[in-house]
């Protein structure tokens, strides 16, 4: 699960699928869903929902920061972070860009600016 910090604003999106609080959300044909490979990253869910629900998301591009589960090393700071569902990776191939690694929060989490 991702924990949103320093929230500056939020948007709403209608779901076509399920999302859990903290999930990265993708936009497909104007509807949101848990991010899948190749989706346009739309932000992180602030609440859970199922198809047809309108949920709040924290959109990218406002200098927001989020803590996600990802094991990194110091040399990964500044690297782009990609996702497919709730699996994070440094590999761009068929994954969706979600942000940049700002710092290492713990052995298994990083702070990402999106």
N, C-alpha and C. Protein backbone atom coordinates (compact mmCIF):
# COMPACT_ATOMS: atom_id res chain seq x y z
N UNK A 1 0.84 -1.17 0.00
CA UNK A 1 0.00 0.00 0.00
C UNK A 1 0.88 1.23 0.00
N UNK A 2 0.46 2.26 -0.72
CA UNK A 2 1.18 3.51 -0.80
C UNK A 2 0.57 4.50 0.18
N UNK A 3 1.39 5.35 0.75
CA UNK A 3 0.93 6.36 1.69
C UNK A 3 1.22 7.73 1.11
N UNK A 4 0.18 8.51 0.86
CA UNK A 4 0.36 9.81 0.25
C UNK A 4 0.80 10.81 1.31
N UNK A 5 1.79 11.63 0.97
CA UNK A 5 2.28 12.69 1.86
C UNK A 5 2.19 14.02 1.13
N UNK A 6 2.15 15.09 1.88
CA UNK A 6 2.20 16.44 1.34
C UNK A 6 1.18 16.66 0.23
N UNK A 7 -0.04 16.21 0.46
CA UNK A 7 -1.09 16.34 -0.56
C UNK A 7 -1.39 17.81 -0.84
N UNK A 8 -1.42 18.16 -2.11
CA UNK A 8 -1.68 19.54 -2.52
C UNK A 8 -3.01 19.69 -3.25
N UNK A 9 -3.59 18.62 -3.72
CA UNK A 9 -4.85 18.70 -4.45
C UNK A 9 -5.33 17.33 -4.84
N UNK A 10 -6.58 17.26 -5.29
CA UNK A 10 -7.09 15.97 -5.73
C UNK A 10 -8.08 16.17 -6.88
N UNK A 11 -8.27 15.12 -7.64
CA UNK A 11 -9.24 15.07 -8.72
C UNK A 11 -10.12 13.85 -8.48
N UNK A 12 -11.16 13.72 -9.27
CA UNK A 12 -12.02 12.55 -9.19
C UNK A 12 -12.00 11.81 -10.51
N UNK A 13 -12.25 10.50 -10.44
CA UNK A 13 -12.32 9.67 -11.64
C UNK A 13 -13.35 8.58 -11.40
N UNK A 14 -14.10 8.23 -12.45
CA UNK A 14 -15.04 7.11 -12.39
C UNK A 14 -14.28 5.84 -12.72
N UNK A 15 -14.47 4.81 -11.90
CA UNK A 15 -13.73 3.56 -12.08
C UNK A 15 -14.40 2.60 -13.05
N UNK A 16 -13.55 1.89 -13.79
CA UNK A 16 -13.95 0.75 -14.59
C UNK A 16 -13.07 -0.40 -14.11
N UNK A 17 -13.36 -0.89 -12.92
CA UNK A 17 -12.54 -1.90 -12.27
C UNK A 17 -12.45 -1.56 -10.79
N UNK A 18 -11.50 -2.18 -10.12
CA UNK A 18 -11.35 -2.01 -8.69
C UNK A 18 -10.07 -1.24 -8.40
N UNK A 19 -10.12 -0.38 -7.39
CA UNK A 19 -8.92 0.32 -6.92
C UNK A 19 -8.95 0.34 -5.39
N UNK A 20 -7.78 0.26 -4.80
CA UNK A 20 -7.62 0.29 -3.35
C UNK A 20 -6.90 1.59 -3.00
N UNK A 21 -7.18 2.13 -1.82
CA UNK A 21 -6.50 3.34 -1.37
C UNK A 21 -4.99 3.17 -1.50
N UNK A 22 -4.36 4.10 -2.19
CA UNK A 22 -2.92 4.04 -2.40
C UNK A 22 -2.49 3.42 -3.70
N UNK A 23 -3.41 2.78 -4.43
CA UNK A 23 -3.07 2.19 -5.73
C UNK A 23 -2.73 3.26 -6.75
N UNK A 24 -1.77 2.97 -7.65
CA UNK A 24 -1.61 3.84 -8.81
C UNK A 24 -2.81 3.61 -9.73
N UNK A 25 -3.35 4.67 -10.30
CA UNK A 25 -4.55 4.59 -11.13
C UNK A 25 -4.19 4.96 -12.57
N UNK A 26 -4.66 4.13 -13.50
CA UNK A 26 -4.47 4.40 -14.93
C UNK A 26 -5.77 4.89 -15.53
N UNK A 27 -5.66 5.64 -16.61
CA UNK A 27 -6.83 6.15 -17.31
C UNK A 27 -6.91 5.51 -18.68
N UNK A 28 -8.06 4.88 -18.97
CA UNK A 28 -8.30 4.23 -20.25
C UNK A 28 -9.69 4.59 -20.72
N UNK A 29 -9.80 5.19 -21.89
CA UNK A 29 -11.09 5.60 -22.45
C UNK A 29 -11.89 6.46 -21.47
N UNK A 30 -11.20 7.32 -20.73
CA UNK A 30 -11.87 8.25 -19.82
C UNK A 30 -12.26 7.67 -18.48
N UNK A 31 -11.95 6.40 -18.24
CA UNK A 31 -12.29 5.75 -16.97
C UNK A 31 -11.03 5.29 -16.25
N UNK A 32 -11.07 5.27 -14.93
CA UNK A 32 -9.92 4.86 -14.14
C UNK A 32 -9.96 3.38 -13.78
N UNK A 33 -8.78 2.84 -13.52
CA UNK A 33 -8.64 1.47 -13.03
C UNK A 33 -7.27 1.35 -12.38
N UNK A 34 -7.08 0.25 -11.60
CA UNK A 34 -5.74 -0.01 -11.06
C UNK A 34 -4.79 -0.04 -12.26
N UNK A 35 -3.70 0.70 -12.16
CA UNK A 35 -2.77 0.86 -13.27
C UNK A 35 -2.34 -0.47 -13.87
N UNK A 36 -2.41 -0.55 -15.18
CA UNK A 36 -1.92 -1.72 -15.90
C UNK A 36 -0.87 -1.26 -16.89
N UNK A 37 -0.02 -2.16 -17.31
CA UNK A 37 1.07 -1.83 -18.22
C UNK A 37 0.54 -1.08 -19.43
N UNK A 38 1.16 0.05 -19.73
CA UNK A 38 0.79 0.84 -20.89
C UNK A 38 -0.29 1.87 -20.65
N UNK A 39 -0.98 1.83 -19.49
CA UNK A 39 -1.99 2.84 -19.18
C UNK A 39 -1.34 4.20 -19.01
N UNK A 40 -2.11 5.25 -19.20
CA UNK A 40 -1.68 6.59 -18.84
C UNK A 40 -1.83 6.72 -17.33
N UNK A 41 -0.73 7.02 -16.64
CA UNK A 41 -0.77 7.19 -15.18
C UNK A 41 -1.58 8.43 -14.86
N UNK A 42 -2.58 8.28 -13.99
CA UNK A 42 -3.50 9.37 -13.67
C UNK A 42 -3.35 9.87 -12.24
N UNK A 43 -2.65 9.10 -11.39
CA UNK A 43 -2.44 9.50 -10.01
C UNK A 43 -2.58 8.32 -9.07
N UNK A 44 -2.61 8.62 -7.77
CA UNK A 44 -2.77 7.59 -6.75
C UNK A 44 -4.15 7.71 -6.11
N UNK A 45 -4.82 6.57 -5.92
CA UNK A 45 -6.15 6.56 -5.32
C UNK A 45 -6.09 7.01 -3.87
N UNK A 46 -7.03 7.86 -3.48
CA UNK A 46 -7.14 8.29 -2.09
C UNK A 46 -8.17 7.47 -1.33
N UNK A 47 -8.90 6.63 -2.07
CA UNK A 47 -9.94 5.81 -1.46
C UNK A 47 -10.17 4.59 -2.33
N UNK A 48 -10.82 3.59 -1.79
CA UNK A 48 -11.12 2.37 -2.53
C UNK A 48 -12.43 2.52 -3.30
N UNK A 49 -12.58 1.72 -4.36
CA UNK A 49 -13.82 1.73 -5.11
C UNK A 49 -13.88 0.57 -6.08
N UNK A 50 -15.09 0.38 -6.64
CA UNK A 50 -15.33 -0.64 -7.65
C UNK A 50 -15.94 0.02 -8.88
N UNK A 51 -16.13 -0.74 -9.94
CA UNK A 51 -16.67 -0.19 -11.18
C UNK A 51 -17.90 0.67 -10.93
N UNK A 52 -17.90 1.87 -11.52
CA UNK A 52 -19.02 2.79 -11.39
C UNK A 52 -18.85 3.81 -10.28
N UNK A 53 -17.98 3.51 -9.30
CA UNK A 53 -17.73 4.46 -8.22
C UNK A 53 -16.91 5.64 -8.72
N UNK A 54 -17.14 6.80 -8.15
CA UNK A 54 -16.30 7.97 -8.40
C UNK A 54 -15.41 8.11 -7.17
N UNK A 55 -14.10 8.04 -7.41
CA UNK A 55 -13.15 8.14 -6.29
C UNK A 55 -12.23 9.34 -6.48
N UNK A 56 -11.65 9.80 -5.37
CA UNK A 56 -10.67 10.87 -5.43
C UNK A 56 -9.29 10.28 -5.68
N UNK A 57 -8.51 10.98 -6.51
CA UNK A 57 -7.13 10.59 -6.75
C UNK A 57 -6.24 11.81 -6.56
N UNK A 58 -5.01 11.57 -6.19
CA UNK A 58 -4.00 12.63 -6.14
C UNK A 58 -3.31 12.61 -7.50
N UNK A 59 -3.48 13.67 -8.31
CA UNK A 59 -2.93 13.68 -9.66
C UNK A 59 -1.44 13.97 -9.69
N UNK A 60 -0.76 13.54 -10.76
CA UNK A 60 0.66 13.84 -10.89
C UNK A 60 0.88 15.29 -11.31
N UNK A 61 2.13 15.71 -11.25
CA UNK A 61 2.50 17.02 -11.78
C UNK A 61 2.37 18.18 -10.81
N UNK A 62 2.08 17.91 -9.56
CA UNK A 62 1.94 18.98 -8.58
C UNK A 62 3.03 18.90 -7.52
N UNK A 63 4.07 18.13 -7.80
CA UNK A 63 5.16 17.99 -6.84
C UNK A 63 4.80 17.14 -5.65
N UNK A 64 3.78 16.29 -5.80
CA UNK A 64 3.35 15.41 -4.70
C UNK A 64 4.42 14.37 -4.42
N UNK A 65 4.38 13.82 -3.22
CA UNK A 65 5.30 12.75 -2.84
C UNK A 65 4.50 11.59 -2.28
N UNK A 66 4.97 10.39 -2.56
CA UNK A 66 4.30 9.19 -2.09
C UNK A 66 5.35 8.17 -1.68
N UNK A 67 5.04 7.36 -0.69
CA UNK A 67 5.94 6.29 -0.27
C UNK A 67 5.40 4.99 -0.86
N UNK A 68 6.24 4.27 -1.60
CA UNK A 68 5.81 3.00 -2.20
C UNK A 68 6.77 1.90 -1.81
N UNK A 69 6.29 0.66 -1.88
CA UNK A 69 7.13 -0.49 -1.57
C UNK A 69 8.00 -0.81 -2.76
N UNK A 70 9.29 -0.56 -2.60
CA UNK A 70 10.26 -0.83 -3.65
C UNK A 70 11.63 -0.85 -3.00
N UNK A 71 12.41 -1.88 -3.26
CA UNK A 71 13.75 -1.98 -2.71
C UNK A 71 14.72 -1.30 -3.67
N UNK A 72 15.43 -0.30 -3.17
CA UNK A 72 16.35 0.47 -4.00
C UNK A 72 17.69 0.62 -3.31
N UNK A 73 18.66 1.07 -4.09
CA UNK A 73 19.98 1.41 -3.55
C UNK A 73 20.22 2.89 -3.81
N UNK A 74 21.21 3.45 -3.16
CA UNK A 74 21.47 4.88 -3.25
C UNK A 74 21.60 5.35 -4.70
N UNK A 75 22.19 4.53 -5.55
CA UNK A 75 22.37 4.95 -6.95
C UNK A 75 21.04 5.04 -7.70
N UNK A 76 19.93 4.54 -7.13
CA UNK A 76 18.62 4.66 -7.77
C UNK A 76 17.97 6.01 -7.53
N UNK A 77 18.50 6.80 -6.60
CA UNK A 77 17.92 8.13 -6.34
C UNK A 77 18.04 8.96 -7.61
N UNK A 78 16.92 9.55 -8.01
CA UNK A 78 16.86 10.32 -9.25
C UNK A 78 16.38 9.52 -10.45
N UNK A 79 16.27 8.20 -10.28
CA UNK A 79 15.83 7.33 -11.38
C UNK A 79 14.31 7.41 -11.56
N UNK A 80 13.86 7.17 -12.77
CA UNK A 80 12.43 7.08 -13.06
C UNK A 80 11.90 5.76 -12.51
N UNK A 81 10.68 5.80 -11.94
CA UNK A 81 10.05 4.60 -11.40
C UNK A 81 8.81 4.30 -12.22
N UNK A 82 8.67 3.06 -12.63
CA UNK A 82 7.56 2.61 -13.46
C UNK A 82 6.71 1.62 -12.67
N UNK A 83 5.48 1.40 -13.13
CA UNK A 83 4.60 0.45 -12.44
C UNK A 83 3.73 -0.30 -13.41
N UNK A 84 3.31 -1.49 -12.98
CA UNK A 84 2.31 -2.31 -13.63
C UNK A 84 1.49 -2.86 -12.47
N UNK A 85 0.27 -2.34 -12.30
CA UNK A 85 -0.54 -2.63 -11.13
C UNK A 85 0.17 -2.03 -9.92
N UNK A 86 0.44 -2.81 -8.90
CA UNK A 86 1.14 -2.28 -7.72
C UNK A 86 2.57 -2.82 -7.64
N UNK A 87 3.09 -3.27 -8.77
CA UNK A 87 4.47 -3.74 -8.85
C UNK A 87 5.31 -2.63 -9.46
N UNK A 88 6.31 -2.18 -8.71
CA UNK A 88 7.16 -1.07 -9.15
C UNK A 88 8.48 -1.60 -9.68
N UNK A 89 9.03 -0.89 -10.68
CA UNK A 89 10.25 -1.34 -11.34
C UNK A 89 11.01 -0.15 -11.92
N UNK A 90 12.26 -0.35 -12.24
CA UNK A 90 13.05 0.66 -12.94
C UNK A 90 13.00 0.44 -14.45
N UNK A 91 12.31 -0.62 -14.87
CA UNK A 91 12.23 -1.00 -16.28
C UNK A 91 11.05 -0.32 -16.96
N UNK A 92 11.32 0.40 -18.02
CA UNK A 92 10.26 1.13 -18.72
C UNK A 92 9.47 0.24 -19.68
N UNK A 93 10.06 -0.84 -20.15
CA UNK A 93 9.44 -1.69 -21.15
C UNK A 93 8.02 -2.09 -20.77
N UNK A 94 7.04 -1.59 -21.49
CA UNK A 94 5.61 -1.86 -21.35
C UNK A 94 5.02 -1.46 -20.01
N UNK A 95 5.77 -0.77 -19.16
CA UNK A 95 5.25 -0.30 -17.88
C UNK A 95 4.92 1.18 -17.98
N UNK A 96 4.24 1.72 -16.99
CA UNK A 96 3.81 3.11 -16.99
C UNK A 96 4.66 3.93 -16.02
N UNK A 97 5.15 5.07 -16.48
CA UNK A 97 5.96 5.96 -15.64
C UNK A 97 5.07 6.56 -14.56
N UNK A 98 5.51 6.44 -13.29
CA UNK A 98 4.74 7.02 -12.19
C UNK A 98 5.48 8.13 -11.46
N UNK A 99 6.79 8.23 -11.62
CA UNK A 99 7.50 9.31 -10.95
C UNK A 99 9.00 9.08 -10.88
N UNK A 100 9.64 9.88 -10.01
CA UNK A 100 11.08 9.85 -9.83
C UNK A 100 11.41 9.53 -8.37
N UNK A 101 12.38 8.64 -8.15
CA UNK A 101 12.78 8.29 -6.79
C UNK A 101 13.54 9.47 -6.18
N UNK A 102 13.00 9.99 -5.07
CA UNK A 102 13.65 11.12 -4.37
C UNK A 102 14.60 10.66 -3.29
N UNK A 103 14.17 9.62 -2.55
CA UNK A 103 15.01 9.13 -1.45
C UNK A 103 14.58 7.73 -1.07
N UNK A 104 15.43 7.10 -0.26
CA UNK A 104 15.12 5.78 0.26
C UNK A 104 14.58 5.98 1.66
N UNK A 105 13.34 5.51 1.89
CA UNK A 105 12.66 5.71 3.17
C UNK A 105 13.02 4.62 4.17
N UNK A 106 13.17 3.39 3.68
CA UNK A 106 13.55 2.26 4.53
C UNK A 106 14.13 1.19 3.61
N UNK A 107 14.40 0.02 4.16
CA UNK A 107 14.97 -1.05 3.36
C UNK A 107 14.04 -1.50 2.24
N UNK A 108 12.73 -1.27 2.39
CA UNK A 108 11.77 -1.76 1.38
C UNK A 108 10.84 -0.68 0.85
N UNK A 109 11.10 0.59 1.15
CA UNK A 109 10.23 1.67 0.63
C UNK A 109 11.07 2.85 0.16
N UNK A 110 10.52 3.54 -0.85
CA UNK A 110 11.17 4.74 -1.37
C UNK A 110 10.15 5.88 -1.43
N UNK A 111 10.65 7.10 -1.42
CA UNK A 111 9.80 8.29 -1.60
C UNK A 111 9.90 8.65 -3.08
N UNK A 112 8.74 8.80 -3.71
CA UNK A 112 8.67 9.09 -5.14
C UNK A 112 7.95 10.42 -5.34
N UNK A 113 8.52 11.28 -6.17
CA UNK A 113 7.82 12.49 -6.58
C UNK A 113 7.13 12.21 -7.89
N UNK A 114 5.85 12.61 -7.95
CA UNK A 114 5.08 12.35 -9.17
C UNK A 114 4.32 13.57 -9.61
